[in-house]
Amino acid sequence: MSGEMQFKQAPKENLETWKLVIKFMTWLTIGTIALLVLMAATLV
């Protein structure tokens, strides 16, 4: 019950956390793709 109230009180804080997570995931994906391309380039 108290956790639900806390969630309703801080939606902006939660949004900032999500933005950070999305940014991190995006860079992680870009890094993984770049690494795969680099590996493929060295194999050929």
N, C-alpha and C. Protein backbone atom coordinates (compact mmCIF):
# COMPACT_ATOMS: atom_id res chain seq x y z
N MET A 1 0.84 -1.20 0.00
CA MET A 1 0.00 0.00 0.00
C MET A 1 0.88 1.26 0.00
N SER A 2 1.89 1.30 0.86
CA SER A 2 2.78 2.46 0.96
C SER A 2 3.64 2.57 -0.30
N GLY A 3 4.00 1.42 -0.88
CA GLY A 3 4.80 1.41 -2.10
C GLY A 3 4.03 2.00 -3.27
N GLU A 4 2.71 1.75 -3.29
CA GLU A 4 1.85 2.27 -4.35
C GLU A 4 1.76 3.80 -4.27
N MET A 5 1.68 4.31 -3.05
CA MET A 5 1.60 5.75 -2.83
C MET A 5 2.91 6.43 -3.25
N GLN A 6 4.02 5.79 -2.94
CA GLN A 6 5.34 6.32 -3.28
C GLN A 6 5.51 6.38 -4.81
N PHE A 7 4.98 5.40 -5.50
CA PHE A 7 5.06 5.34 -6.96
C PHE A 7 4.26 6.49 -7.59
N LYS A 8 3.11 6.80 -6.99
CA LYS A 8 2.26 7.88 -7.49
C LYS A 8 2.87 9.26 -7.20
N GLN A 9 3.65 9.35 -6.15
CA GLN A 9 4.25 10.62 -5.75
C GLN A 9 5.45 10.98 -6.62
N ALA A 10 6.17 9.99 -7.12
CA ALA A 10 7.40 10.28 -7.88
C ALA A 10 7.38 9.66 -9.28
N PRO A 11 6.49 10.15 -10.17
CA PRO A 11 6.49 9.61 -11.53
C PRO A 11 7.62 10.21 -12.37
N LYS A 12 8.00 11.45 -12.06
CA LYS A 12 9.08 12.13 -12.79
C LYS A 12 10.42 11.44 -12.53
N GLU A 13 10.64 11.05 -11.29
CA GLU A 13 11.87 10.35 -10.90
C GLU A 13 11.96 9.01 -11.64
N ASN A 14 10.81 8.35 -11.74
CA ASN A 14 10.74 7.06 -12.42
C ASN A 14 11.01 7.23 -13.91
N LEU A 15 10.51 8.33 -14.48
CA LEU A 15 10.70 8.64 -15.90
C LEU A 15 12.17 8.88 -16.20
N GLU A 16 12.85 9.60 -15.31
CA GLU A 16 14.28 9.88 -15.47
C GLU A 16 15.08 8.58 -15.45
N THR A 17 14.68 7.67 -14.57
CA THR A 17 15.34 6.37 -14.46
C THR A 17 15.16 5.59 -15.76
N TRP A 18 13.94 5.62 -16.31
CA TRP A 18 13.64 4.93 -17.56
C TRP A 18 14.44 5.51 -18.72
N LYS A 19 14.56 6.85 -18.75
CA LYS A 19 15.34 7.52 -19.81
C LYS A 19 16.79 7.04 -19.76
N LEU A 20 17.32 6.92 -18.54
CA LEU A 20 18.69 6.47 -18.34
C LEU A 20 18.86 5.02 -18.79
N VAL A 21 17.88 4.18 -18.46
CA VAL A 21 17.90 2.77 -18.84
C VAL A 21 17.84 2.62 -20.36
N ILE A 22 16.95 3.39 -20.99
CA ILE A 22 16.79 3.33 -22.45
C ILE A 22 18.08 3.78 -23.14
N LYS A 23 18.69 4.86 -22.63
CA LYS A 23 19.93 5.38 -23.19
C LYS A 23 21.05 4.33 -23.07
N PHE A 24 21.12 3.69 -21.90
CA PHE A 24 22.13 2.66 -21.65
C PHE A 24 21.93 1.46 -22.58
N MET A 25 20.68 1.03 -22.73
CA MET A 25 20.35 -0.11 -23.59
C MET A 25 20.67 0.20 -25.05
N THR A 26 20.40 1.44 -25.47
CA THR A 26 20.68 1.87 -26.85
C THR A 26 22.17 1.80 -27.13
N TRP A 27 22.97 2.35 -26.21
CA TRP A 27 24.43 2.33 -26.39
C TRP A 27 24.98 0.92 -26.33
N LEU A 28 24.37 0.08 -25.50
CA LEU A 28 24.79 -1.32 -25.38
C LEU A 28 24.54 -2.05 -26.70
N THR A 29 23.37 -1.78 -27.32
CA THR A 29 23.02 -2.39 -28.60
C THR A 29 23.97 -1.93 -29.70
N ILE A 30 24.24 -0.62 -29.74
CA ILE A 30 25.16 -0.05 -30.73
C ILE A 30 26.55 -0.67 -30.58
N GLY A 31 27.00 -0.78 -29.34
CA GLY A 31 28.30 -1.37 -29.04
C GLY A 31 28.39 -2.83 -29.47
N THR A 32 27.32 -3.59 -29.24
CA THR A 32 27.28 -5.00 -29.62
C THR A 32 27.34 -5.15 -31.13
N ILE A 33 26.55 -4.33 -31.85
CA ILE A 33 26.53 -4.37 -33.31
C ILE A 33 27.91 -4.00 -33.86
N ALA A 34 28.52 -2.96 -33.30
CA ALA A 34 29.85 -2.51 -33.73
C ALA A 34 30.89 -3.62 -33.53
N LEU A 35 30.78 -4.32 -32.41
CA LEU A 35 31.70 -5.41 -32.10
C LEU A 35 31.53 -6.57 -33.08
N LEU A 36 30.27 -6.89 -33.42
CA LEU A 36 29.98 -7.96 -34.38
C LEU A 36 30.51 -7.61 -35.77
N VAL A 37 30.34 -6.35 -36.17
CA VAL A 37 30.83 -5.88 -37.47
C VAL A 37 32.36 -5.97 -37.51
N LEU A 38 32.99 -5.58 -36.42
CA LEU A 38 34.45 -5.62 -36.31
C LEU A 38 34.96 -7.07 -36.40
N MET A 39 34.26 -7.98 -35.73
CA MET A 39 34.62 -9.40 -35.76
C MET A 39 34.45 -9.98 -37.15
N ALA A 40 33.35 -9.61 -37.82
CA ALA A 40 33.08 -10.08 -39.18
C ALA A 40 34.13 -9.55 -40.15
N ALA A 41 34.56 -8.31 -39.95
CA ALA A 41 35.57 -7.68 -40.81
C ALA A 41 36.93 -8.37 -40.67
N THR A 42 37.26 -8.80 -39.47
CA THR A 42 38.55 -9.46 -39.24
C THR A 42 38.54 -10.90 -39.74
N LEU A 43 37.37 -11.52 -39.77
CA LEU A 43 37.24 -12.91 -40.24
C LEU A 43 37.35 -13.00 -41.75
N VAL A 44 36.83 -12.01 -42.45
CA VAL A 44 36.81 -12.02 -43.92
C VAL A 44 38.23 -11.79 -44.46
